[in-house]
Amino acid sequence: MARFLAGLVLGVVSSGIAWLITHNYGWTAVAGVTVLVLVWLGEFILDDLL
């Protein structure tokens, strides 16, 4: 549950930063979803790499 909430918060923060820089909905969505997915799946990705 903590990873889920961290993914949501970090996804929103990254979307906000992308919006402030680009003012483009597409880049904002890509940044938010990318961070969200990387946080949610980060444990599995790191396990495979290590």
Protein backbone atom coordinates (compact mmCIF):
# COMPACT_ATOMS: atom_id res chain seq x y z
CA MET A 1 0.00 0.00 0.00
CA ALA A 2 2.87 2.37 0.77
CA ARG A 3 4.35 1.83 -2.70
CA PHE A 4 0.95 2.56 -4.25
CA LEU A 5 0.62 5.87 -2.39
CA ALA A 6 4.23 6.81 -3.11
CA GLY A 7 3.62 6.12 -6.82
CA LEU A 8 0.53 8.31 -6.81
CA VAL A 9 2.25 11.18 -5.02
CA LEU A 10 5.42 11.06 -7.12
CA GLY A 11 3.37 10.71 -10.32
CA VAL A 12 1.37 13.81 -9.46
CA VAL A 13 4.52 15.74 -8.57
CA SER A 14 6.24 14.78 -11.82
CA SER A 15 3.12 15.70 -13.78
CA GLY A 16 3.05 19.09 -12.07
CA ILE A 17 6.68 19.72 -12.94
CA ALA A 18 6.12 18.64 -16.54
CA TRP A 19 3.09 20.94 -16.78
CA LEU A 20 5.04 23.91 -15.41
CA ILE A 21 7.81 23.35 -17.95
CA THR A 22 5.88 22.39 -21.10
CA HIS A 23 2.18 23.36 -20.70
CA ASN A 24 1.43 20.29 -22.84
CA TYR A 25 -1.11 17.67 -21.77
CA GLY A 26 0.68 14.86 -23.61
CA TRP A 27 4.05 15.32 -21.92
CA THR A 28 2.31 15.83 -18.59
CA ALA A 29 0.50 12.50 -18.89
CA VAL A 30 3.62 10.67 -20.08
CA ALA A 31 5.70 11.99 -17.16
CA GLY A 32 3.07 11.12 -14.56
CA VAL A 33 2.32 7.63 -15.86
CA THR A 34 6.01 6.81 -16.32
CA VAL A 35 6.89 7.72 -12.75
CA LEU A 36 3.79 5.97 -11.43
CA VAL A 37 4.62 2.70 -13.23
CA LEU A 38 8.31 2.82 -12.32
CA VAL A 39 7.50 3.26 -8.64
CA TRP A 40 4.90 0.46 -8.69
CA LEU A 41 7.11 -1.97 -10.61
CA GLY A 42 10.47 -0.77 -9.29
CA GLU A 43 10.82 -3.63 -6.83
CA PHE A 44 10.40 -6.22 -9.56
CA ILE A 45 12.74 -4.38 -11.94
CA LEU A 46 15.45 -4.08 -9.28
CA ASP A 47 15.12 -7.75 -8.34
CA ASP A 48 15.73 -8.75 -11.96
CA LEU A 49 18.72 -6.44 -12.30
CA LEU A 50 20.39 -7.51 -9.06
